[in-house]
Amino acid sequence: MNPNSSFDPSRKYVRVTELRHDGFVEFEFAIGEPELFVEMILPAAAFDEFCALNKVSFVADNSRLKLDANEEAAERAEWNWSLHDATHQRFKSHE
């Protein structure tokens, strides 16, 4: 979150993460700050209606805020993932 900006709950953001072949749209939805979001999935028509009703601003994938080099490496190691990422990756069992 940018310390120089004030939190504005009237601003809503969407970042599309995947347009699936089955007609669903995977996306991130944020209120007030684009950096704090929930991951959602809706059929395409419902997604369009959701965006219109919420008057969202679309955020490009490459516009995510970047951490400095040291913080980025540490974050990536354990916490920098999303449910979208997890659905496309196999995990090893710890048995």
PDB file of N, CA and C in Angstrom:
ATOM      1  N   MET A   1       0.840  -1.166   0.000  1.00  0.00           N
ATOM      2  CA  MET A   1       0.000   0.000   0.000  1.00  0.00           C
ATOM      3  C   MET A   1       0.891   1.235   0.000  1.00  0.00           C
ATOM      4  N   ASN A   2       0.535   2.177  -0.790  1.00  0.00           N
ATOM      5  CA  ASN A   2       1.288   3.418  -0.882  1.00  0.00           C
ATOM      6  C   ASN A   2       0.989   4.288   0.340  1.00  0.00           C
ATOM      7  N   PRO A   3       2.017   4.615   1.158  1.00  0.00           N
ATOM      8  CA  PRO A   3       1.769   5.402   2.373  1.00  0.00           C
ATOM      9  C   PRO A   3       1.308   6.827   2.091  1.00  0.00           C
ATOM     10  N   ASN A   4       1.508   7.326   0.880  1.00  0.00           N
ATOM     11  CA  ASN A   4       1.108   8.686   0.540  1.00  0.00           C
ATOM     12  C   ASN A   4      -0.334   8.785   0.049  1.00  0.00           C
ATOM     13  N   SER A   5      -0.985   7.659  -0.157  1.00  0.00           N
ATOM     14  CA  SER A   5      -2.363   7.694  -0.647  1.00  0.00           C
ATOM     15  C   SER A   5      -3.310   7.290   0.475  1.00  0.00           C
ATOM     16  N   SER A   6      -4.532   7.764   0.377  1.00  0.00           N
ATOM     17  CA  SER A   6      -5.524   7.377   1.370  1.00  0.00           C
ATOM     18  C   SER A   6      -6.357   6.231   0.816  1.00  0.00           C
ATOM     19  N   PHE A   7      -6.796   5.376   1.702  1.00  0.00           N
ATOM     20  CA  PHE A   7      -7.612   4.235   1.318  1.00  0.00           C
ATOM     21  C   PHE A   7      -8.972   4.735   0.871  1.00  0.00           C
ATOM     22  N   ASP A   8      -9.375   4.352  -0.323  1.00  0.00           N
ATOM     23  CA  ASP A   8     -10.652   4.800  -0.875  1.00  0.00           C
ATOM     24  C   ASP A   8     -11.488   3.570  -1.230  1.00  0.00           C
ATOM     25  N   PRO A   9     -12.446   3.201  -0.371  1.00  0.00           N
ATOM     26  CA  PRO A   9     -13.231   1.994  -0.625  1.00  0.00           C
ATOM     27  C   PRO A   9     -14.162   2.083  -1.831  1.00  0.00           C
ATOM     28  N   SER A  10     -14.286   3.259  -2.413  1.00  0.00           N
ATOM     29  CA  SER A  10     -15.125   3.379  -3.615  1.00  0.00           C
ATOM     30  C   SER A  10     -14.361   2.946  -4.870  1.00  0.00           C
ATOM     31  N   ARG A  11     -13.045   2.827  -4.781  1.00  0.00           N
ATOM     32  CA  ARG A  11     -12.239   2.393  -5.928  1.00  0.00           C
ATOM     33  C   ARG A  11     -12.119   0.881  -5.900  1.00  0.00           C
ATOM     34  N   LYS A  12     -12.424   0.253  -7.027  1.00  0.00           N
ATOM     35  CA  LYS A  12     -12.395  -1.205  -7.137  1.00  0.00           C
ATOM     36  C   LYS A  12     -11.562  -1.591  -8.351  1.00  0.00           C
ATOM     37  N   TYR A  13     -10.793  -2.657  -8.198  1.00  0.00           N
ATOM     38  CA  TYR A  13      -9.834  -3.055  -9.216  1.00  0.00           C
ATOM     39  C   TYR A  13     -10.011  -4.518  -9.584  1.00  0.00           C
ATOM     40  N   VAL A  14      -9.764  -4.826 -10.857  1.00  0.00           N
ATOM     41  CA  VAL A  14      -9.763  -6.197 -11.354  1.00  0.00           C
ATOM     42  C   VAL A  14      -8.509  -6.417 -12.183  1.00  0.00           C
ATOM     43  N   ARG A  15      -7.867  -7.546 -11.930  1.00  0.00           N
ATOM     44  CA  ARG A  15      -6.733  -7.994 -12.751  1.00  0.00           C
ATOM     45  C   ARG A  15      -7.088  -9.398 -13.247  1.00  0.00           C
ATOM     46  N   VAL A  16      -7.289  -9.576 -14.538  1.00  0.00           N
ATOM     47  CA  VAL A  16      -7.611 -10.881 -15.104  1.00  0.00           C
ATOM     48  C   VAL A  16      -6.335 -11.721 -15.110  1.00  0.00           C
ATOM     49  N   THR A  17      -6.432 -12.941 -14.548  1.00  0.00           N
ATOM     50  CA  THR A  17      -5.275 -13.825 -14.514  1.00  0.00           C
ATOM     51  C   THR A  17      -5.369 -14.937 -15.546  1.00  0.00           C
ATOM     52  N   GLU A  18      -6.602 -15.296 -15.933  1.00  0.00           N
ATOM     53  CA  GLU A  18      -6.744 -16.323 -16.978  1.00  0.00           C
ATOM     54  C   GLU A  18      -8.137 -16.298 -17.571  1.00  0.00           C
ATOM     55  N   LEU A  19      -8.195 -16.424 -18.884  1.00  0.00           N
ATOM     56  CA  LEU A  19      -9.447 -16.658 -19.607  1.00  0.00           C
ATOM     57  C   LEU A  19      -9.441 -18.141 -19.951  1.00  0.00           C
ATOM     58  N   ARG A  20     -10.250 -18.912 -19.256  1.00  0.00           N
ATOM     59  CA  ARG A  20     -10.203 -20.371 -19.396  1.00  0.00           C
ATOM     60  C   ARG A  20     -10.990 -20.848 -20.605  1.00  0.00           C
ATOM     61  N   HIS A  21     -10.601 -22.022 -21.103  1.00  0.00           N
ATOM     62  CA  HIS A  21     -11.271 -22.608 -22.268  1.00  0.00           C
ATOM     63  C   HIS A  21     -12.705 -23.022 -21.967  1.00  0.00           C
ATOM     64  N   ASP A  22     -13.032 -23.237 -20.694  1.00  0.00           N
ATOM     65  CA  ASP A  22     -14.390 -23.647 -20.334  1.00  0.00           C
ATOM     66  C   ASP A  22     -15.340 -22.460 -20.138  1.00  0.00           C
ATOM     67  N   GLY A  23     -14.869 -21.240 -20.484  1.00  0.00           N
ATOM     68  CA  GLY A  23     -15.726 -20.063 -20.420  1.00  0.00           C
ATOM     69  C   GLY A  23     -15.667 -19.293 -19.117  1.00  0.00           C
ATOM     70  N   PHE A  24     -14.829 -19.738 -18.196  1.00  0.00           N
ATOM     71  CA  PHE A  24     -14.686 -19.031 -16.929  1.00  0.00           C
ATOM     72  C   PHE A  24     -13.549 -18.021 -16.998  1.00  0.00           C
ATOM     73  N   VAL A  25     -13.665 -16.986 -16.181  1.00  0.00           N
ATOM     74  CA  VAL A  25     -12.625 -15.957 -16.071  1.00  0.00           C
ATOM     75  C   VAL A  25     -12.076 -16.025 -14.650  1.00  0.00           C
ATOM     76  N   GLU A  26     -10.765 -16.219 -14.529  1.00  0.00           N
ATOM     77  CA  GLU A  26     -10.104 -16.156 -13.225  1.00  0.00           C
ATOM     78  C   GLU A  26      -9.546 -14.746 -13.086  1.00  0.00           C
ATOM     79  N   PHE A  27      -9.759 -14.146 -11.902  1.00  0.00           N
ATOM     80  CA  PHE A  27      -9.318 -12.767 -11.729  1.00  0.00           C
ATOM     81  C   PHE A  27      -9.075 -12.446 -10.259  1.00  0.00           C
ATOM     82  N   GLU A  28      -8.395 -11.337 -10.050  1.00  0.00           N
ATOM     83  CA  GLU A  28      -8.151 -10.802  -8.715  1.00  0.00           C
ATOM     84  C   GLU A  28      -9.016  -9.551  -8.566  1.00  0.00           C
ATOM     85  N   PHE A  29      -9.690  -9.433  -7.431  1.00  0.00           N
ATOM     86  CA  PHE A  29     -10.573  -8.305  -7.169  1.00  0.00           C
ATOM     87  C   PHE A  29     -10.094  -7.594  -5.909  1.00  0.00           C
ATOM     88  N   ALA A  30      -9.951  -6.275  -6.000  1.00  0.00           N
ATOM     89  CA  ALA A  30      -9.473  -5.484  -4.869  1.00  0.00           C
ATOM     90  C   ALA A  30     -10.382  -4.281  -4.651  1.00  0.00           C
ATOM     91  N   ILE A  31     -10.495  -3.900  -3.394  1.00  0.00           N
ATOM     92  CA  ILE A  31     -11.241  -2.703  -3.026  1.00  0.00           C
ATOM     93  C   ILE A  31     -10.286  -1.750  -2.317  1.00  0.00           C
ATOM     94  N   GLY A  32     -10.185  -0.534  -2.822  1.00  0.00           N
ATOM     95  CA  GLY A  32      -9.363   0.491  -2.174  1.00  0.00           C
ATOM     96  C   GLY A  32      -7.906   0.496  -2.574  1.00  0.00           C
ATOM     97  N   GLU A  33      -7.278  -0.652  -2.604  1.00  0.00           N
ATOM     98  CA  GLU A  33      -5.858  -0.787  -2.962  1.00  0.00           C
ATOM     99  C   GLU A  33      -5.690  -2.014  -3.844  1.00  0.00           C
ATOM    100  N   PRO A  34      -5.095  -1.893  -5.020  1.00  0.00           N
ATOM    101  CA  PRO A  34      -4.957  -3.057  -5.898  1.00  0.00           C
ATOM    102  C   PRO A  34      -4.010  -4.126  -5.364  1.00  0.00           C
ATOM    103  N   GLU A  35      -3.183  -3.793  -4.362  1.00  0.00           N
ATOM    104  CA  GLU A  35      -2.219  -4.749  -3.830  1.00  0.00           C
ATOM    105  C   GLU A  35      -2.858  -5.769  -2.890  1.00  0.00           C
ATOM    106  N   LEU A  36      -4.035  -5.469  -2.350  1.00  0.00           N
ATOM    107  CA  LEU A  36      -4.741  -6.371  -1.440  1.00  0.00           C
ATOM    108  C   LEU A  36      -5.981  -6.887  -2.154  1.00  0.00           C
ATOM    109  N   PHE A  37      -5.966  -8.165  -2.519  1.00  0.00           N
ATOM    110  CA  PHE A  37      -7.030  -8.682  -3.376  1.00  0.00           C
ATOM    111  C   PHE A  37      -7.460 -10.073  -2.958  1.00  0.00           C
ATOM    112  N   VAL A  38      -8.608 -10.481  -3.495  1.00  0.00           N
ATOM    113  CA  VAL A  38      -9.087 -11.854  -3.381  1.00  0.00           C
ATOM    114  C   VAL A  38      -9.105 -12.432  -4.783  1.00  0.00           C
ATOM    115  N   GLU A  39      -8.887 -13.728  -4.864  1.00  0.00           N
ATOM    116  CA  GLU A  39      -8.939 -14.404  -6.155  1.00  0.00           C
ATOM    117  C   GLU A  39     -10.356 -14.915  -6.367  1.00  0.00           C
ATOM    118  N   MET A  40     -10.873 -14.715  -7.570  1.00  0.00           N
ATOM    119  CA  MET A  40     -12.241 -15.109  -7.870  1.00  0.00           C
ATOM    120  C   MET A  40     -12.298 -15.782  -9.238  1.00  0.00           C
ATOM    121  N   ILE A  41     -13.401 -16.483  -9.467  1.00  0.00           N
ATOM    122  CA  ILE A  41     -13.650 -17.105 -10.771  1.00  0.00           C
ATOM    123  C   ILE A  41     -15.153 -17.017 -11.043  1.00  0.00           C
ATOM    124  N   LEU A  42     -15.488 -16.581 -12.247  1.00  0.00           N
ATOM    125  CA  LEU A  42     -16.885 -16.451 -12.653  1.00  0.00           C
ATOM    126  C   LEU A  42     -17.022 -16.831 -14.127  1.00  0.00           C
ATOM    127  N   PRO A  43     -18.225 -17.276 -14.539  1.00  0.00           N
ATOM    128  CA  PRO A  43     -18.468 -17.431 -15.973  1.00  0.00           C
ATOM    129  C   PRO A  43     -18.325 -16.060 -16.642  1.00  0.00           C
ATOM    130  N   ALA A  44     -17.950 -16.041 -17.906  1.00  0.00           N
ATOM    131  CA  ALA A  44     -17.645 -14.788 -18.607  1.00  0.00           C
ATOM    132  C   ALA A  44     -18.772 -13.764 -18.510  1.00  0.00           C
ATOM    133  N   ALA A  45     -20.018 -14.184 -18.711  1.00  0.00           N
ATOM    134  CA  ALA A  45     -21.140 -13.234 -18.656  1.00  0.00           C
ATOM    135  C   ALA A  45     -21.292 -12.654 -17.244  1.00  0.00           C
ATOM    136  N   ALA A  46     -21.143 -13.490 -16.233  1.00  0.00           N
ATOM    137  CA  ALA A  46     -21.244 -13.014 -14.849  1.00  0.00           C
ATOM    138  C   ALA A  46     -20.072 -12.091 -14.510  1.00  0.00           C
ATOM    139  N   PHE A  47     -18.895 -12.384 -15.055  1.00  0.00           N
ATOM    140  CA  PHE A  47     -17.729 -11.527 -14.847  1.00  0.00           C
ATOM    141  C   PHE A  47     -17.991 -10.136 -15.422  1.00  0.00           C
ATOM    142  N   ASP A  48     -18.521 -10.081 -16.635  1.00  0.00           N
ATOM    143  CA  ASP A  48     -18.824  -8.786 -17.260  1.00  0.00           C
ATOM    144  C   ASP A  48     -19.827  -7.994 -16.421  1.00  0.00           C
ATOM    145  N   GLU A  49     -20.849  -8.673 -15.927  1.00  0.00           N
ATOM    146  CA  GLU A  49     -21.856  -8.012 -15.092  1.00  0.00           C
ATOM    147  C   GLU A  49     -21.239  -7.544 -13.765  1.00  0.00           C
ATOM    148  N   PHE A  50     -20.416  -8.386 -13.156  1.00  0.00           N
ATOM    149  CA  PHE A  50     -19.735  -8.049 -11.905  1.00  0.00           C
ATOM    150  C   PHE A  50     -18.899  -6.782 -12.074  1.00  0.00           C
ATOM    151  N   CYS A  51     -18.140  -6.727 -13.164  1.00  0.00           N
ATOM    152  CA  CYS A  51     -17.288  -5.559 -13.421  1.00  0.00           C
ATOM    153  C   CYS A  51     -18.115  -4.296 -13.648  1.00  0.00           C
ATOM    154  N   ALA A  52     -19.207  -4.428 -14.376  1.00  0.00           N
ATOM    155  CA  ALA A  52     -20.065  -3.265 -14.634  1.00  0.00           C
ATOM    156  C   ALA A  52     -20.727  -2.775 -13.351  1.00  0.00           C
ATOM    157  N   LEU A  53     -21.257  -3.687 -12.551  1.00  0.00           N
ATOM    158  CA  LEU A  53     -21.923  -3.303 -11.306  1.00  0.00           C
ATOM    159  C   LEU A  53     -20.962  -2.649 -10.315  1.00  0.00           C
ATOM    160  N   ASN A  54     -19.717  -3.121 -10.296  1.00  0.00           N
ATOM    161  CA  ASN A  54     -18.728  -2.593  -9.358  1.00  0.00           C
ATOM    162  C   ASN A  54     -17.916  -1.438  -9.920  1.00  0.00           C
ATOM    163  N   LYS A  55     -18.131  -1.110 -11.193  1.00  0.00           N
ATOM    164  CA  LYS A  55     -17.412  -0.003 -11.843  1.00  0.00           C
ATOM    165  C   LYS A  55     -15.909  -0.115 -11.588  1.00  0.00           C
ATOM    166  N   VAL A  56     -15.359  -1.262 -11.967  1.00  0.00           N
ATOM    167  CA  VAL A  56     -13.956  -1.569 -11.673  1.00  0.00           C
ATOM    168  C   VAL A  56     -13.004  -0.852 -12.619  1.00  0.00           C
ATOM    169  N   SER A  57     -11.783  -0.679 -12.151  1.00  0.00           N
ATOM    170  CA  SER A  57     -10.663  -0.255 -12.990  1.00  0.00           C
ATOM    171  C   SER A  57      -9.852  -1.506 -13.261  1.00  0.00           C
ATOM    172  N   PHE A  58      -9.518  -1.736 -14.504  1.00  0.00           N
ATOM    173  CA  PHE A  58      -8.727  -2.910 -14.851  1.00  0.00           C
ATOM    174  C   PHE A  58      -7.249  -2.602 -14.661  1.00  0.00           C
ATOM    175  N   VAL A  59      -6.550  -3.544 -14.050  1.00  0.00           N
ATOM    176  CA  VAL A  59      -5.132  -3.408 -13.761  1.00  0.00           C
ATOM    177  C   VAL A  59      -4.390  -4.401 -14.649  1.00  0.00           C
ATOM    178  N   ALA A  60      -3.384  -3.921 -15.372  1.00  0.00           N
ATOM    179  CA  ALA A  60      -2.595  -4.796 -16.236  1.00  0.00           C
ATOM    180  C   ALA A  60      -1.739  -5.727 -15.399  1.00  0.00           C
ATOM    181  N   ASP A  61      -1.500  -6.929 -15.900  1.00  0.00           N
ATOM    182  CA  ASP A  61      -0.703  -7.937 -15.196  1.00  0.00           C
ATOM    183  C   ASP A  61       0.688  -7.430 -14.841  1.00  0.00           C
ATOM    184  N   ASN A  62       1.302  -6.665 -15.725  1.00  0.00           N
ATOM    185  CA  ASN A  62       2.674  -6.217 -15.506  1.00  0.00           C
ATOM    186  C   ASN A  62       2.759  -4.985 -14.617  1.00  0.00           C
ATOM    187  N   SER A  63       1.642  -4.539 -14.037  1.00  0.00           N
ATOM    188  CA  SER A  63       1.680  -3.335 -13.221  1.00  0.00           C
ATOM    189  C   SER A  63       1.733  -3.623 -11.726  1.00  0.00           C
ATOM    190  N   ARG A  64       1.921  -4.894 -11.355  1.00  0.00           N
ATOM    191  CA  ARG A  64       2.034  -5.211  -9.931  1.00  0.00           C
ATOM    192  C   ARG A  64       3.192  -4.437  -9.334  1.00  0.00           C
ATOM    193  N   LEU A  65       3.000  -3.997  -8.102  1.00  0.00           N
ATOM    194  CA  LEU A  65       4.087  -3.286  -7.435  1.00  0.00           C
ATOM    195  C   LEU A  65       5.225  -4.252  -7.163  1.00  0.00           C
ATOM    196  N   LYS A  66       6.443  -3.813  -7.397  1.00  0.00           N
ATOM    197  CA  LYS A  66       7.620  -4.646  -7.204  1.00  0.00           C
ATOM    198  C   LYS A  66       8.292  -4.320  -5.879  1.00  0.00           C
ATOM    199  N   LEU A  67       8.732  -5.349  -5.213  1.00  0.00           N
ATOM    200  CA  LEU A  67       9.508  -5.167  -3.996  1.00  0.00           C
ATOM    201  C   LEU A  67      10.959  -4.935  -4.392  1.00  0.00           C
ATOM    202  N   ASP A  68      11.764  -4.384  -3.482  1.00  0.00           N
ATOM    203  CA  ASP A  68      13.172  -4.244  -3.832  1.00  0.00           C
ATOM    204  C   ASP A  68      13.786  -5.635  -3.954  1.00  0.00           C
ATOM    205  N   ALA A  69      14.956  -5.753  -4.525  1.00  0.00           N
ATOM    206  CA  ALA A  69      15.548  -7.040  -4.898  1.00  0.00           C
ATOM    207  C   ALA A  69      15.635  -8.022  -3.731  1.00  0.00           C
ATOM    208  N   ASN A  70      16.074  -7.582  -2.556  1.00  0.00           N
ATOM    209  CA  ASN A  70      16.205  -8.488  -1.416  1.00  0.00           C
ATOM    210  C   ASN A  70      14.849  -8.966  -0.916  1.00  0.00           C
ATOM    211  N   GLU A  71      13.896  -8.057  -0.791  1.00  0.00           N
ATOM    212  CA  GLU A  71      12.564  -8.432  -0.336  1.00  0.00           C
ATOM    213  C   GLU A  71      11.886  -9.350  -1.349  1.00  0.00           C
ATOM    214  N   GLU A  72      12.083  -9.077  -2.622  1.00  0.00           N
ATOM    215  CA  GLU A  72      11.458  -9.889  -3.659  1.00  0.00           C
ATOM    216  C   GLU A  72      11.939 -11.322  -3.580  1.00  0.00           C
ATOM    217  N   ALA A  73      13.234 -11.548  -3.397  1.00  0.00           N
ATOM    218  CA  ALA A  73      13.774 -12.905  -3.305  1.00  0.00           C
ATOM    219  C   ALA A  73      13.204 -13.626  -2.085  1.00  0.00           C
ATOM    220  N   ALA A  74      13.122 -12.941  -0.962  1.00  0.00           N
ATOM    221  CA  ALA A  74      12.594 -13.555   0.252  1.00  0.00           C
ATOM    222  C   ALA A  74      11.106 -13.870   0.094  1.00  0.00           C
ATOM    223  N   GLU A  75      10.348 -12.967  -0.458  1.00  0.00           N
ATOM    224  CA  GLU A  75       8.924 -13.189  -0.664  1.00  0.00           C
ATOM    225  C   GLU A  75       8.675 -14.358  -1.609  1.00  0.00           C
ATOM    226  N   ARG A  76       9.406 -14.401  -2.690  1.00  0.00           N
ATOM    227  CA  ARG A  76       9.221 -15.442  -3.695  1.00  0.00           C
ATOM    228  C   ARG A  76       9.479 -16.813  -3.099  1.00  0.00           C
ATOM    229  N   ALA A  77      10.379 -16.896  -2.159  1.00  0.00           N
ATOM    230  CA  ALA A  77      10.770 -18.172  -1.591  1.00  0.00           C
ATOM    231  C   ALA A  77       9.593 -18.909  -0.967  1.00  0.00           C
ATOM    232  N   GLU A  78       8.723 -18.213  -0.246  1.00  0.00           N
ATOM    233  CA  GLU A  78       7.677 -18.928   0.469  1.00  0.00           C
ATOM    234  C   GLU A  78       6.268 -18.374   0.287  1.00  0.00           C
ATOM    235  N   TRP A  79       6.108 -17.083   0.176  1.00  0.00           N
ATOM    236  CA  TRP A  79       4.780 -16.498   0.237  1.00  0.00           C
ATOM    237  C   TRP A  79       4.258 -15.938  -1.070  1.00  0.00           C
ATOM    238  N   ASN A  80       5.055 -15.791  -2.053  1.00  0.00           N
ATOM    239  CA  ASN A  80       4.636 -15.144  -3.285  1.00  0.00           C
ATOM    240  C   ASN A  80       3.998 -16.153  -4.238  1.00  0.00           C
ATOM    241  N   TRP A  81       2.767 -16.537  -3.960  1.00  0.00           N
ATOM    242  CA  TRP A  81       2.021 -17.447  -4.806  1.00  0.00           C
ATOM    243  C   TRP A  81       0.544 -17.103  -4.685  1.00  0.00           C
ATOM    244  N   SER A  82      -0.232 -17.644  -5.576  1.00  0.00           N
ATOM    245  CA  SER A  82      -1.674 -17.445  -5.533  1.00  0.00           C
ATOM    246  C   SER A  82      -2.359 -18.781  -5.780  1.00  0.00           C
ATOM    247  N   LEU A  83      -3.647 -18.844  -5.528  1.00  0.00           N
ATOM    248  CA  LEU A  83      -4.386 -20.069  -5.823  1.00  0.00           C
ATOM    249  C   LEU A  83      -4.330 -20.375  -7.310  1.00  0.00           C
ATOM    250  N   HIS A  84      -4.331 -19.327  -8.133  1.00  0.00           N
ATOM    251  CA  HIS A  84      -4.199 -19.518  -9.580  1.00  0.00           C
ATOM    252  C   HIS A  84      -2.895 -20.243  -9.895  1.00  0.00           C
ATOM    253  N   ASP A  85      -1.801 -19.827  -9.260  1.00  0.00           N
ATOM    254  CA  ASP A  85      -0.515 -20.497  -9.460  1.00  0.00           C
ATOM    255  C   ASP A  85      -0.594 -21.958  -9.030  1.00  0.00           C
ATOM    256  N   ALA A  86      -1.227 -22.203  -7.894  1.00  0.00           N
ATOM    257  CA  ALA A  86      -1.287 -23.558  -7.337  1.00  0.00           C
ATOM    258  C   ALA A  86      -2.063 -24.515  -8.230  1.00  0.00           C
ATOM    259  N   THR A  87      -3.030 -24.033  -8.969  1.00  0.00           N
ATOM    260  CA  THR A  87      -3.806 -24.920  -9.839  1.00  0.00           C
ATOM    261  C   THR A  87      -3.019 -25.345 -11.060  1.00  0.00           C
ATOM    262  N   HIS A  88      -1.893 -24.700 -11.317  1.00  0.00           N
ATOM    263  CA  HIS A  88      -1.088 -25.011 -12.488  1.00  0.00           C
ATOM    264  C   HIS A  88       0.256 -25.633 -12.127  1.00  0.00           C
ATOM    265  N   GLN A  89       0.403 -26.072 -10.890  1.00  0.00           N
ATOM    266  CA  GLN A  89       1.695 -26.601 -10.428  1.00  0.00           C
ATOM    267  C   GLN A  89       1.454 -27.855  -9.606  1.00  0.00           C
ATOM    268  N   ARG A  90       2.314 -28.850  -9.781  1.00  0.00           N
ATOM    269  CA  ARG A  90       2.229 -30.057  -8.961  1.00  0.00           C
ATOM    270  C   ARG A  90       3.145 -29.893  -7.761  1.00  0.00           C
ATOM    271  N   PHE A  91       2.691 -30.366  -6.623  1.00  0.00           N
ATOM    272  CA  PHE A  91       3.474 -30.249  -5.405  1.00  0.00           C
ATOM    273  C   PHE A  91       3.967 -31.620  -4.977  1.00  0.00           C
ATOM    274  N   LYS A  92       5.152 -31.666  -4.420  1.00  0.00           N
ATOM    275  CA  LYS A  92       5.708 -32.922  -3.928  1.00  0.00           C
ATOM    276  C   LYS A  92       5.092 -33.265  -2.591  1.00  0.00           C
ATOM    277  N   SER A  93       4.899 -34.544  -2.370  1.00  0.00           N
ATOM    278  CA  SER A  93       4.412 -35.003  -1.083  1.00  0.00           C
ATOM    279  C   SER A  93       5.568 -35.049  -0.100  1.00  0.00           C
ATOM    280  N   HIS A  94       5.305 -34.739   1.154  1.00  0.00           N
ATOM    281  CA  HIS A  94       6.340 -34.748   2.191  1.00  0.00           C
ATOM    282  C   HIS A  94       6.293 -36.044   3.003  1.00  0.00           C
ATOM    283  N   GLU A  95       5.853 -37.118   2.398  1.00  0.00           N
ATOM    284  CA  GLU A  95       5.761 -38.399   3.097  1.00  0.00           C
ATOM    285  C   GLU A  95       7.089 -39.091   3.174  1.00  0.00           C
TER     286      GLU A  95
END
